[in-house]
Amino acid sequence: MDVKHLRIVGVGASVLVALMAVAAAIQVLRPPVQVTSAADPDVTVECAATTGVNAADCLAWGDALIEGDPPSFTFEMDSLSRLRLDRSWFGLGSACQVSYLISRYAEAAATDEVACVEAP
């Protein structure tokens, strides 16, 4: 390879790295989707940007979890105030995490791994 070809490859690699950095910044800086649960209007369902779901999918995913059994015996689902759904960075993990937050605690009362909902 001569210098001209090496320069072209270098520019191409630089552009690729820049595009990856922009994509990462968009993923990190994008606000989470927040919807009010249809199953329990007192609960806010929050889907992190890394889940890649829209408001309708976030609502359906959260409502399915709310209508299910609680993850532990430490609280009743009636005490739930917020449900936070998240995925590992850049969606590389196979499982998602749900955090159950109740009004009397600032931190999550319980966390659990759940199957991720694939974005359309």
Protein backbone atom coordinates (compact mmCIF):
# COMPACT_ATOMS: atom_id res chain seq x y z
CA MET A 1 0.00 0.00 0.00
CA ASP A 2 1.22 3.43 -0.79
CA VAL A 3 0.79 6.55 1.31
CA LYS A 4 -2.39 7.63 -0.52
CA HIS A 5 -4.19 4.38 0.33
CA LEU A 6 -3.02 4.51 3.94
CA ARG A 7 -4.33 8.05 4.23
CA ILE A 8 -7.74 6.98 2.85
CA VAL A 9 -7.92 4.07 5.30
CA GLY A 10 -6.95 6.39 8.15
CA VAL A 11 -9.64 8.92 7.24
CA GLY A 12 -12.23 6.14 6.93
CA ALA A 13 -11.31 4.75 10.33
CA SER A 14 -11.48 8.24 11.87
CA VAL A 15 -14.94 8.81 10.42
CA LEU A 16 -16.11 5.44 11.76
CA VAL A 17 -14.83 6.24 15.25
CA ALA A 18 -16.48 9.66 15.15
CA LEU A 19 -19.82 8.13 14.12
CA MET A 20 -19.59 5.60 16.95
CA ALA A 21 -18.88 8.40 19.42
CA VAL A 22 -21.92 10.36 18.19
CA ALA A 23 -24.13 7.25 18.47
CA ALA A 24 -22.89 6.64 22.02
CA ALA A 25 -23.53 10.26 22.99
CA ILE A 26 -27.07 10.13 21.61
CA GLN A 27 -27.76 6.93 23.53
CA VAL A 28 -26.44 8.38 26.80
CA LEU A 29 -27.99 11.84 26.52
CA ARG A 30 -31.44 10.80 25.29
CA PRO A 31 -34.02 11.11 28.07
CA PRO A 32 -35.89 8.04 29.30
CA VAL A 33 -39.43 7.32 28.16
CA GLN A 34 -41.92 7.93 30.99
CA VAL A 35 -45.54 6.81 30.86
CA THR A 36 -48.32 6.39 33.39
CA SER A 37 -49.34 2.78 33.82
CA ALA A 38 -52.74 1.76 32.48
CA ALA A 39 -52.82 -1.14 34.96
CA ASP A 40 -52.18 1.14 37.95
CA PRO A 41 -52.46 4.91 37.32
CA ASP A 42 -50.45 5.62 40.49
CA VAL A 43 -47.35 4.04 38.92
CA THR A 44 -44.96 5.71 36.50
CA VAL A 45 -43.17 3.37 34.11
CA GLU A 46 -39.75 4.61 33.04
CA CYS A 47 -37.81 2.96 30.20
CA ALA A 48 -34.18 4.02 29.86
CA ALA A 49 -32.96 5.14 26.45
CA THR A 50 -30.80 2.02 26.26
CA THR A 51 -33.94 -0.14 26.03
CA GLY A 52 -34.73 1.43 22.67
CA VAL A 53 -38.50 1.18 23.12
CA ASN A 54 -41.13 3.79 22.33
CA ALA A 55 -43.85 4.96 24.73
CA ALA A 56 -46.41 2.32 23.66
CA ASP A 57 -43.93 -0.55 24.05
CA CYS A 58 -42.72 0.86 27.38
CA LEU A 59 -46.30 1.01 28.64
CA ALA A 60 -47.10 -2.55 27.54
CA TRP A 61 -43.85 -3.88 29.05
CA GLY A 62 -44.39 -2.09 32.36
CA ASP A 63 -48.05 -3.07 32.62
CA ALA A 64 -47.18 -6.73 32.01
CA LEU A 65 -44.75 -6.58 34.94
CA ILE A 66 -47.17 -4.69 37.19
CA GLU A 67 -49.93 -7.22 36.57
CA GLY A 68 -47.55 -10.06 37.47
CA ASP A 69 -46.37 -11.21 40.87
CA PRO A 70 -44.03 -9.01 42.91
CA PRO A 71 -40.37 -10.01 42.77
CA SER A 72 -40.11 -10.48 46.52
CA PHE A 73 -42.16 -10.56 49.68
CA THR A 74 -40.72 -7.29 50.99
CA PHE A 75 -43.49 -5.11 49.53
CA GLU A 76 -46.91 -5.26 47.98
CA MET A 77 -47.42 -4.21 44.38
CA ASP A 78 -50.01 -1.72 45.72
CA SER A 79 -47.09 0.20 47.27
CA LEU A 80 -45.33 0.60 43.93
CA SER A 81 -44.83 4.18 42.71
CA ARG A 82 -42.31 3.76 39.89
CA LEU A 83 -41.08 0.95 37.69
CA ARG A 84 -37.70 1.55 36.02
CA LEU A 85 -36.63 -0.63 33.08
CA ASP A 86 -33.05 -0.58 31.84
CA ARG A 87 -30.72 -2.49 29.55
CA SER A 88 -26.97 -2.83 29.68
CA TRP A 89 -24.94 -0.21 27.82
CA PHE A 90 -25.66 -0.05 24.10
CA GLY A 91 -28.09 -2.95 24.34
CA LEU A 92 -25.31 -5.54 24.29
CA GLY A 93 -26.64 -7.59 27.20
CA SER A 94 -29.17 -10.32 26.75
CA ALA A 95 -31.26 -9.40 29.79
CA CYS A 96 -32.83 -6.21 31.03
CA GLN A 97 -33.22 -5.04 34.61
CA VAL A 98 -36.37 -3.85 36.31
CA SER A 99 -36.25 -1.77 39.48
CA TYR A 100 -39.33 -1.56 41.67
CA LEU A 101 -39.52 1.73 43.56
CA ILE A 102 -42.03 2.39 46.30
CA SER A 103 -42.94 5.80 47.64
CA ARG A 104 -41.54 5.38 51.13
CA TYR A 105 -37.98 4.56 49.94
CA ALA A 106 -35.68 6.65 47.78
CA GLU A 107 -33.88 3.56 46.46
CA ALA A 108 -35.29 0.55 44.65
CA ALA A 109 -37.13 -1.86 46.91
CA ALA A 110 -36.18 -4.71 44.58
CA THR A 111 -34.45 -5.31 41.28
CA ASP A 112 -34.79 -8.26 38.98
CA GLU A 113 -33.66 -9.44 35.57
CA VAL A 114 -36.41 -9.63 32.95
CA ALA A 115 -36.56 -10.48 29.28
CA CYS A 116 -35.95 -7.45 27.09
CA VAL A 117 -38.57 -6.17 24.71
CA GLU A 118 -37.11 -5.79 21.26
CA ALA A 119 -37.73 -2.41 19.67
CA PRO A 120 -39.64 -2.52 16.39
